[in-house]
Amino acid sequence: MTEHPGIAAARANAQLAKARMLGTVDAIKSRLNPSTVAEDVADRVKERASAAMEQGVAVVQQQPRAVAAGAAGLLALLVTPKLIGALCRRRKQKKARAKVPATVASPQLSPPPSDRP
């Protein structure tokens, strides 16, 4: 028995569609593989970091004074709270020492009793 030519063509088209679909499924599997996803993300991060670094270098070359002023301001924001805290603690300690009576702060030792009458 021979097949009708239309049925044979439909069967061939179905096999081609199946092959394309399996190829697409394999491609999706490889793209969604965790190691592949991690590599893609790492590559993107590296590209963006290098672009940001290049842009930063360009800004420093174009406006070094502005960058220096910004860095000094940032340093001041980081250091100033610690300095203010240290000064406040020192001030509180001085006030606390000033409030303590002298006899409590440094007690006077009485001379040892003598055995001589």
N, C-alpha and C. Protein backbone atom coordinates (compact mmCIF):
# COMPACT_ATOMS: atom_id res chain seq x y z
N MET A 1 0.81 -1.17 0.00
CA MET A 1 0.00 0.00 0.00
C MET A 1 0.87 1.25 0.00
N THR A 2 0.53 2.13 -0.84
CA THR A 2 1.25 3.39 -0.93
C THR A 2 0.45 4.49 -0.27
N GLU A 3 1.19 5.43 0.27
CA GLU A 3 0.55 6.56 0.94
C GLU A 3 0.17 7.62 -0.06
N HIS A 4 -0.80 8.32 0.26
CA HIS A 4 -1.21 9.47 -0.54
C HIS A 4 -0.11 10.52 -0.42
N PRO A 5 0.25 11.23 -1.49
CA PRO A 5 1.32 12.22 -1.43
C PRO A 5 1.05 13.32 -0.41
N GLY A 6 -0.15 13.70 -0.17
CA GLY A 6 -0.47 14.75 0.82
C GLY A 6 -0.18 14.28 2.24
N ILE A 7 -0.45 13.01 2.48
CA ILE A 7 -0.19 12.46 3.83
C ILE A 7 1.31 12.36 4.06
N ALA A 8 2.06 11.97 3.05
CA ALA A 8 3.52 11.87 3.18
C ALA A 8 4.12 13.25 3.44
N ALA A 9 3.62 14.27 2.77
CA ALA A 9 4.11 15.64 2.96
C ALA A 9 3.76 16.13 4.36
N ALA A 10 2.58 15.82 4.83
CA ALA A 10 2.16 16.23 6.18
C ALA A 10 3.02 15.55 7.23
N ARG A 11 3.33 14.26 6.99
CA ARG A 11 4.19 13.53 7.93
C ARG A 11 5.59 14.15 7.96
N ALA A 12 6.12 14.51 6.81
CA ALA A 12 7.44 15.14 6.73
C ALA A 12 7.43 16.49 7.44
N ASN A 13 6.37 17.27 7.24
CA ASN A 13 6.26 18.56 7.93
C ASN A 13 6.18 18.37 9.44
N ALA A 14 5.47 17.37 9.88
CA ALA A 14 5.36 17.10 11.32
C ALA A 14 6.71 16.72 11.90
N GLN A 15 7.47 15.92 11.17
CA GLN A 15 8.80 15.53 11.65
C GLN A 15 9.73 16.74 11.72
N LEU A 16 9.66 17.63 10.73
CA LEU A 16 10.47 18.85 10.76
C LEU A 16 10.08 19.75 11.94
N ALA A 17 8.78 19.88 12.17
CA ALA A 17 8.31 20.70 13.29
C ALA A 17 8.77 20.10 14.62
N LYS A 18 8.71 18.78 14.71
CA LYS A 18 9.15 18.11 15.94
C LYS A 18 10.64 18.34 16.16
N ALA A 19 11.43 18.25 15.10
CA ALA A 19 12.88 18.46 15.22
C ALA A 19 13.18 19.90 15.64
N ARG A 20 12.46 20.88 15.06
CA ARG A 20 12.66 22.28 15.45
C ARG A 20 12.29 22.49 16.92
N MET A 21 11.16 21.90 17.35
CA MET A 21 10.72 22.05 18.72
C MET A 21 11.72 21.44 19.69
N LEU A 22 12.24 20.24 19.38
CA LEU A 22 13.23 19.62 20.25
C LEU A 22 14.51 20.45 20.31
N GLY A 23 14.89 21.04 19.19
CA GLY A 23 16.05 21.93 19.19
C GLY A 23 15.82 23.15 20.07
N THR A 24 14.62 23.70 20.01
CA THR A 24 14.27 24.85 20.85
C THR A 24 14.28 24.45 22.33
N VAL A 25 13.75 23.29 22.64
CA VAL A 25 13.73 22.82 24.03
C VAL A 25 15.16 22.64 24.54
N ASP A 26 16.02 22.06 23.72
CA ASP A 26 17.42 21.89 24.13
C ASP A 26 18.10 23.24 24.36
N ALA A 27 17.81 24.21 23.49
CA ALA A 27 18.39 25.55 23.64
C ALA A 27 17.91 26.20 24.94
N ILE A 28 16.63 26.05 25.23
CA ILE A 28 16.09 26.62 26.48
C ILE A 28 16.70 25.95 27.69
N LYS A 29 16.87 24.64 27.64
CA LYS A 29 17.49 23.91 28.76
C LYS A 29 18.91 24.43 29.01
N SER A 30 19.66 24.61 27.94
CA SER A 30 21.04 25.07 28.12
C SER A 30 21.07 26.50 28.64
N ARG A 31 20.12 27.33 28.22
CA ARG A 31 20.08 28.71 28.71
C ARG A 31 19.69 28.78 30.18
N LEU A 32 18.82 27.89 30.61
CA LEU A 32 18.34 27.91 31.99
C LEU A 32 19.18 27.07 32.94
N ASN A 33 20.24 26.50 32.45
CA ASN A 33 21.16 25.75 33.30
C ASN A 33 21.75 26.72 34.32
N PRO A 34 21.73 26.40 35.62
CA PRO A 34 22.21 27.34 36.64
C PRO A 34 23.63 27.83 36.41
N SER A 35 24.51 26.98 35.96
CA SER A 35 25.89 27.43 35.74
C SER A 35 25.95 28.41 34.58
N THR A 36 25.14 28.19 33.56
CA THR A 36 25.11 29.12 32.43
C THR A 36 24.53 30.46 32.85
N VAL A 37 23.48 30.41 33.64
CA VAL A 37 22.87 31.66 34.13
C VAL A 37 23.88 32.42 34.99
N ALA A 38 24.59 31.71 35.85
CA ALA A 38 25.59 32.36 36.71
C ALA A 38 26.70 32.98 35.88
N GLU A 39 27.15 32.30 34.85
CA GLU A 39 28.19 32.86 33.98
C GLU A 39 27.69 34.11 33.27
N ASP A 40 26.45 34.06 32.79
CA ASP A 40 25.88 35.23 32.12
C ASP A 40 25.80 36.43 33.06
N VAL A 41 25.34 36.18 34.27
CA VAL A 41 25.23 37.27 35.25
C VAL A 41 26.62 37.81 35.58
N ALA A 42 27.58 36.93 35.78
CA ALA A 42 28.94 37.37 36.09
C ALA A 42 29.51 38.21 34.95
N ASP A 43 29.27 37.80 33.73
CA ASP A 43 29.76 38.57 32.58
C ASP A 43 29.11 39.95 32.54
N ARG A 44 27.81 40.01 32.78
CA ARG A 44 27.13 41.31 32.77
C ARG A 44 27.65 42.22 33.87
N VAL A 45 27.87 41.65 35.05
CA VAL A 45 28.38 42.45 36.17
C VAL A 45 29.77 42.97 35.84
N LYS A 46 30.62 42.14 35.26
CA LYS A 46 31.96 42.57 34.89
C LYS A 46 31.90 43.70 33.87
N GLU A 47 31.02 43.56 32.88
CA GLU A 47 30.90 44.59 31.86
C GLU A 47 30.45 45.91 32.46
N ARG A 48 29.44 45.85 33.33
CA ARG A 48 28.94 47.08 33.95
C ARG A 48 29.97 47.69 34.89
N ALA A 49 30.68 46.86 35.62
CA ALA A 49 31.70 47.38 36.54
C ALA A 49 32.83 48.05 35.77
N SER A 50 33.25 47.43 34.69
CA SER A 50 34.33 48.05 33.91
C SER A 50 33.85 49.34 33.26
N ALA A 51 32.60 49.38 32.81
CA ALA A 51 32.05 50.60 32.23
C ALA A 51 31.98 51.71 33.29
N ALA A 52 31.54 51.35 34.50
CA ALA A 52 31.46 52.33 35.58
C ALA A 52 32.84 52.83 35.96
N MET A 53 33.82 51.94 35.97
CA MET A 53 35.18 52.35 36.31
C MET A 53 35.73 53.30 35.25
N GLU A 54 35.50 52.97 33.98
CA GLU A 54 35.96 53.84 32.91
C GLU A 54 35.31 55.21 32.99
N GLN A 55 34.02 55.22 33.31
CA GLN A 55 33.31 56.48 33.44
C GLN A 55 33.86 57.28 34.63
N GLY A 56 34.14 56.59 35.74
CA GLY A 56 34.71 57.26 36.90
C GLY A 56 36.07 57.85 36.61
N VAL A 57 36.90 57.10 35.90
CA VAL A 57 38.22 57.61 35.53
C VAL A 57 38.08 58.84 34.65
N ALA A 58 37.13 58.82 33.73
CA ALA A 58 36.92 59.97 32.85
C ALA A 58 36.50 61.20 33.65
N VAL A 59 35.63 61.00 34.64
CA VAL A 59 35.18 62.12 35.47
C VAL A 59 36.34 62.68 36.27
N VAL A 60 37.17 61.80 36.83
CA VAL A 60 38.32 62.26 37.61
C VAL A 60 39.28 63.05 36.72
N GLN A 61 39.47 62.59 35.50
CA GLN A 61 40.37 63.31 34.59
C GLN A 61 39.80 64.66 34.19
N GLN A 62 38.49 64.74 34.05
CA GLN A 62 37.88 66.00 33.62
C GLN A 62 37.73 66.99 34.76
N GLN A 63 37.39 66.52 35.95
CA GLN A 63 37.12 67.42 37.07
C GLN A 63 37.79 66.91 38.35
N PRO A 64 39.11 66.98 38.42
CA PRO A 64 39.80 66.43 39.60
C PRO A 64 39.47 67.18 40.89
N ARG A 65 39.26 68.49 40.81
CA ARG A 65 38.97 69.26 42.03
C ARG A 65 37.61 68.87 42.61
N ALA A 66 36.63 68.72 41.74
CA ALA A 66 35.30 68.35 42.21
C ALA A 66 35.33 66.97 42.86
N VAL A 67 36.08 66.06 42.29
CA VAL A 67 36.18 64.71 42.86
C VAL A 67 36.89 64.75 44.20
N ALA A 68 37.94 65.56 44.30
CA ALA A 68 38.67 65.68 45.57
C ALA A 68 37.76 66.28 46.64
N ALA A 69 36.97 67.28 46.27
CA ALA A 69 36.05 67.89 47.23
C ALA A 69 35.00 66.88 47.67
N GLY A 70 34.50 66.10 46.75
CA GLY A 70 33.52 65.08 47.09
C GLY A 70 34.11 64.02 48.01
N ALA A 71 35.33 63.61 47.74
CA ALA A 71 36.00 62.62 48.59
C ALA A 71 36.22 63.18 49.99
N ALA A 72 36.61 64.45 50.07
CA ALA A 72 36.81 65.07 51.38
C ALA A 72 35.50 65.15 52.14
N GLY A 73 34.42 65.49 51.45
CA GLY A 73 33.11 65.54 52.09
C GLY A 73 32.67 64.18 52.59
N LEU A 74 32.90 63.17 51.80
CA LEU A 74 32.55 61.81 52.21
C LEU A 74 33.37 61.39 53.42
N LEU A 75 34.64 61.69 53.40
CA LEU A 75 35.50 61.37 54.54
C LEU A 75 35.01 62.10 55.79
N ALA A 76 34.62 63.36 55.63
CA ALA A 76 34.11 64.12 56.77
C ALA A 76 32.83 63.50 57.31
N LEU A 77 31.96 63.04 56.43
CA LEU A 77 30.72 62.40 56.88
C LEU A 77 30.99 61.11 57.64
N LEU A 78 32.04 60.42 57.27
CA LEU A 78 32.37 59.16 57.94
C LEU A 78 33.09 59.38 59.26
N VAL A 79 33.94 60.40 59.33
CA VAL A 79 34.79 60.61 60.50
C VAL A 79 34.13 61.49 61.55
N THR A 80 33.36 62.48 61.13
CA THR A 80 32.80 63.47 62.04
C THR A 80 31.96 62.86 63.16
N PRO A 81 31.06 61.93 62.90
CA PRO A 81 30.27 61.38 64.02
C PRO A 81 31.13 60.73 65.09
N LYS A 82 32.21 60.09 64.69
CA LYS A 82 33.10 59.46 65.68
C LYS A 82 33.79 60.53 66.53
N LEU A 83 34.24 61.61 65.87
CA LEU A 83 34.90 62.68 66.62
C LEU A 83 33.94 63.36 67.57
N ILE A 84 32.74 63.64 67.10
CA ILE A 84 31.74 64.28 67.96
C ILE A 84 31.41 63.38 69.15
N GLY A 85 31.26 62.08 68.89
CA GLY A 85 30.98 61.14 69.97
C GLY A 85 32.10 61.10 71.00
N ALA A 86 33.34 61.11 70.53
CA ALA A 86 34.48 61.10 71.45
C ALA A 86 34.51 62.38 72.28
N LEU A 87 34.24 63.52 71.65
CA LEU A 87 34.23 64.78 72.40
C LEU A 87 33.11 64.80 73.44
N CYS A 88 31.95 64.30 73.08
CA CYS A 88 30.83 64.26 74.03
C CYS A 88 31.14 63.34 75.20
N ARG A 89 31.74 62.20 74.94
CA ARG A 89 32.09 61.28 76.02
C ARG A 89 33.12 61.92 76.95
N ARG A 90 34.11 62.59 76.37
CA ARG A 90 35.13 63.23 77.18
C ARG A 90 34.51 64.33 78.04
N ARG A 91 33.58 65.08 77.49
CA ARG A 91 32.93 66.16 78.22
C ARG A 91 32.10 65.59 79.37
N LYS A 92 31.38 64.49 79.13
CA LYS A 92 30.59 63.86 80.19
C LYS A 92 31.49 63.34 81.30
N GLN A 93 32.63 62.79 80.93
CA GLN A 93 33.56 62.27 81.94
C GLN A 93 34.10 63.42 82.80
N LYS A 94 34.40 64.56 82.19
CA LYS A 94 34.90 65.70 82.95
C LYS A 94 33.83 66.22 83.91
N LYS A 95 32.58 66.27 83.43
CA LYS A 95 31.50 66.72 84.29
C LYS A 95 31.30 65.75 85.45
N ALA A 96 31.39 64.46 85.16
CA ALA A 96 31.21 63.46 86.21
C ALA A 96 32.30 63.57 87.25
N ARG A 97 33.53 63.82 86.84
CA ARG A 97 34.64 63.97 87.78
C ARG A 97 34.47 65.24 88.60
N ALA A 98 33.93 66.29 88.00
CA ALA A 98 33.76 67.55 88.71
C ALA A 98 32.68 67.44 89.77
N LYS A 99 31.69 66.60 89.60
CA LYS A 99 30.60 66.46 90.56
C LYS A 99 30.97 65.62 91.77
N VAL A 100 31.99 64.78 91.66
CA VAL A 100 32.39 63.91 92.77
C VAL A 100 33.13 64.73 93.80
N PRO A 101 32.73 64.65 95.08
CA PRO A 101 33.44 65.41 96.12
C PRO A 101 34.90 64.99 96.21
N ALA A 102 35.74 65.91 96.64
CA ALA A 102 37.18 65.66 96.71
C ALA A 102 37.50 64.54 97.68
N THR A 103 36.75 64.42 98.78
CA THR A 103 37.05 63.38 99.76
C THR A 103 36.75 61.99 99.20
N VAL A 104 35.78 61.90 98.33
CA VAL A 104 35.45 60.61 97.74
C VAL A 104 36.41 60.33 96.59
N ALA A 105 36.77 61.36 95.85
CA ALA A 105 37.63 61.17 94.70
C ALA A 105 39.02 60.72 95.12
N SER A 106 39.58 61.34 96.17
CA SER A 106 40.90 60.93 96.66
C SER A 106 40.85 60.93 98.18
N PRO A 107 40.51 59.82 98.77
CA PRO A 107 40.38 59.76 100.24
C PRO A 107 41.74 59.98 100.92
N GLN A 108 41.68 60.66 102.04
CA GLN A 108 42.89 60.91 102.83
C GLN A 108 43.16 59.70 103.70
N LEU A 109 44.37 59.23 103.64
CA LEU A 109 44.74 58.11 104.49
C LEU A 109 45.17 58.64 105.85
N SER A 110 44.65 58.03 106.87
CA SER A 110 45.05 58.47 108.21
C SER A 110 46.38 57.80 108.55
N PRO A 111 47.19 58.47 109.33
CA PRO A 111 48.50 57.89 109.69
C PRO A 111 48.31 56.63 110.52
N PRO A 112 49.21 55.69 110.40
CA PRO A 112 49.07 54.45 111.17
C PRO A 112 49.16 54.75 112.67
N PRO A 113 48.43 54.01 113.45
CA PRO A 113 48.48 54.24 114.92
C PRO A 113 49.90 53.90 115.45
N SER A 114 50.34 54.71 116.32
CA SER A 114 51.68 54.48 116.88
C SER A 114 51.56 53.71 118.18
N ASP A 115 52.58 52.93 118.47
CA ASP A 115 52.58 52.13 119.69
C ASP A 115 53.20 52.91 120.85
N ARG A 116 53.74 54.04 120.58
CA ARG A 116 54.35 54.84 121.63
C ARG A 116 53.32 55.65 122.36
N PRO A 117 53.45 55.64 123.69
CA PRO A 117 52.50 56.45 124.49
C PRO A 117 52.89 57.87 124.60
